[in-house]
Amino acid sequence: MKLRTIRYYMKQGIINMKRNISLSCASVVSITSALFVLGAVLAIVFNLNHIVRGIESRMEVTLFLESGTPYEKVSSMEETIKIGMESQKLISYQDMMLWQHGRRN
């Protein structure tokens, strides 16, 4: 493309923008509003995603046992929970007993 052709297209574009100022403004406003809505939706989606990940990482399982439950049964339940959950932190039965014993003193 020649330099004269590029110059001609630029000149005609500016002339037409001056003639149709209202349509030019309307197109700028519509593009701006569409980008704003897209940004707002993306911000909401990313925030919800972050909140859900935070809730998933703090998921807890509490198991209540009757008094006098045999240790073997408690151990088997603990192993089942360890296998079923991909948890990084699991409080064992012994730790819970030590915590309750320390709490009473």
Protein backbone atom coordinates (compact mmCIF):
# COMPACT_ATOMS: atom_id res chain seq x y z
CA MET A 1 0.00 0.00 0.00
CA LYS A 2 1.29 3.39 -0.96
CA LEU A 3 1.81 6.24 1.46
CA ARG A 4 -0.78 8.34 -0.43
CA THR A 5 -3.42 5.65 0.07
CA ILE A 6 -2.77 5.44 3.82
CA ARG A 7 -2.91 9.23 4.10
CA TYR A 8 -6.19 9.28 2.13
CA TYR A 9 -7.80 6.67 4.41
CA MET A 10 -6.70 8.53 7.54
CA LYS A 11 -8.02 11.84 6.17
CA GLN A 12 -11.38 10.30 5.24
CA GLY A 13 -11.64 8.61 8.62
CA ILE A 14 -11.12 11.90 10.47
CA ILE A 15 -13.59 13.73 8.20
CA ASN A 16 -16.24 11.05 8.76
CA MET A 17 -15.66 11.10 12.53
CA LYS A 18 -16.29 14.86 12.51
CA ARG A 19 -19.45 14.47 10.40
CA ASN A 20 -20.90 11.69 12.57
CA ILE A 21 -19.74 12.79 16.01
CA SER A 22 -22.82 11.31 17.70
CA LEU A 23 -22.26 7.85 16.22
CA SER A 24 -18.58 8.03 17.05
CA CYS A 25 -19.37 8.81 20.68
CA ALA A 26 -22.03 6.09 20.77
CA SER A 27 -19.56 3.49 19.53
CA VAL A 28 -16.93 4.55 22.08
CA VAL A 29 -19.50 4.42 24.89
CA SER A 30 -20.79 1.00 23.83
CA ILE A 31 -17.30 -0.51 23.65
CA THR A 32 -16.38 1.05 27.01
CA SER A 33 -19.52 -0.26 28.70
CA ALA A 34 -19.00 -3.76 27.25
CA LEU A 35 -15.42 -3.84 28.56
CA PHE A 36 -16.58 -2.59 31.96
CA VAL A 37 -19.23 -5.31 32.23
CA LEU A 38 -16.70 -7.95 31.17
CA GLY A 39 -14.22 -6.72 33.80
CA ALA A 40 -16.87 -6.69 36.52
CA VAL A 41 -17.97 -10.25 35.70
CA LEU A 42 -14.37 -11.48 35.67
CA ALA A 43 -13.67 -9.80 39.02
CA ILE A 44 -16.72 -11.47 40.58
CA VAL A 45 -15.79 -14.89 39.16
CA PHE A 46 -12.19 -14.65 40.37
CA ASN A 47 -13.30 -13.54 43.85
CA LEU A 48 -15.80 -16.39 44.14
CA ASN A 49 -13.15 -18.84 42.98
CA HIS A 50 -10.75 -17.55 45.65
CA ILE A 51 -13.41 -17.81 48.36
CA VAL A 52 -14.29 -21.40 47.37
CA ARG A 53 -10.63 -22.43 47.44
CA GLY A 54 -10.28 -20.93 50.92
CA ILE A 55 -13.32 -22.82 52.18
CA GLU A 56 -12.08 -26.08 50.67
CA SER A 57 -8.69 -25.72 52.36
CA ARG A 58 -10.30 -25.26 55.78
CA MET A 59 -12.63 -28.25 55.58
CA GLU A 60 -12.78 -30.13 58.88
CA VAL A 61 -14.14 -33.47 60.00
CA THR A 62 -15.06 -33.95 63.63
CA LEU A 63 -15.74 -37.43 64.91
CA PHE A 64 -17.55 -37.93 68.21
CA LEU A 65 -17.11 -41.30 69.91
CA GLU A 66 -18.84 -42.85 72.85
CA SER A 67 -16.95 -43.25 76.10
CA GLY A 68 -15.19 -46.58 76.35
CA THR A 69 -14.72 -47.09 72.61
CA PRO A 70 -11.88 -49.59 72.15
CA TYR A 71 -8.57 -48.18 70.96
CA GLU A 72 -8.44 -50.64 68.04
CA LYS A 73 -11.73 -49.33 66.67
CA VAL A 74 -10.55 -45.73 67.07
CA SER A 75 -7.31 -46.58 65.22
CA SER A 76 -9.20 -48.20 62.36
CA MET A 77 -11.48 -45.17 62.07
CA GLU A 78 -8.45 -42.88 62.07
CA GLU A 79 -6.85 -44.89 59.24
CA THR A 80 -10.11 -44.81 57.26
CA ILE A 81 -10.28 -41.03 57.60
CA LYS A 82 -6.62 -40.67 56.59
CA ILE A 83 -7.23 -42.71 53.45
CA GLY A 84 -10.50 -40.96 52.59
CA MET A 85 -9.22 -37.43 53.07
CA GLU A 86 -6.17 -35.89 51.51
CA SER A 87 -5.49 -33.85 54.60
CA GLN A 88 -2.16 -32.42 55.63
CA LYS A 89 -3.11 -32.12 59.28
CA LEU A 90 -4.85 -34.85 61.20
CA ILE A 91 -5.07 -34.85 64.99
CA SER A 92 -4.68 -38.39 66.28
CA TYR A 93 -6.54 -39.96 69.17
CA GLN A 94 -3.49 -39.78 71.42
CA ASP A 95 -3.02 -36.08 70.68
CA MET A 96 -6.67 -35.41 71.47
CA MET A 97 -6.40 -37.28 74.79
CA LEU A 98 -3.25 -35.33 75.70
CA TRP A 99 -4.98 -32.08 74.81
CA GLN A 100 -8.03 -32.93 76.93
CA HIS A 101 -5.79 -34.07 79.82
CA GLY A 102 -3.85 -30.79 79.68
CA ARG A 103 -7.06 -28.83 79.52
CA ARG A 104 -8.36 -30.39 82.73
CA ASN A 105 -5.24 -29.42 84.69
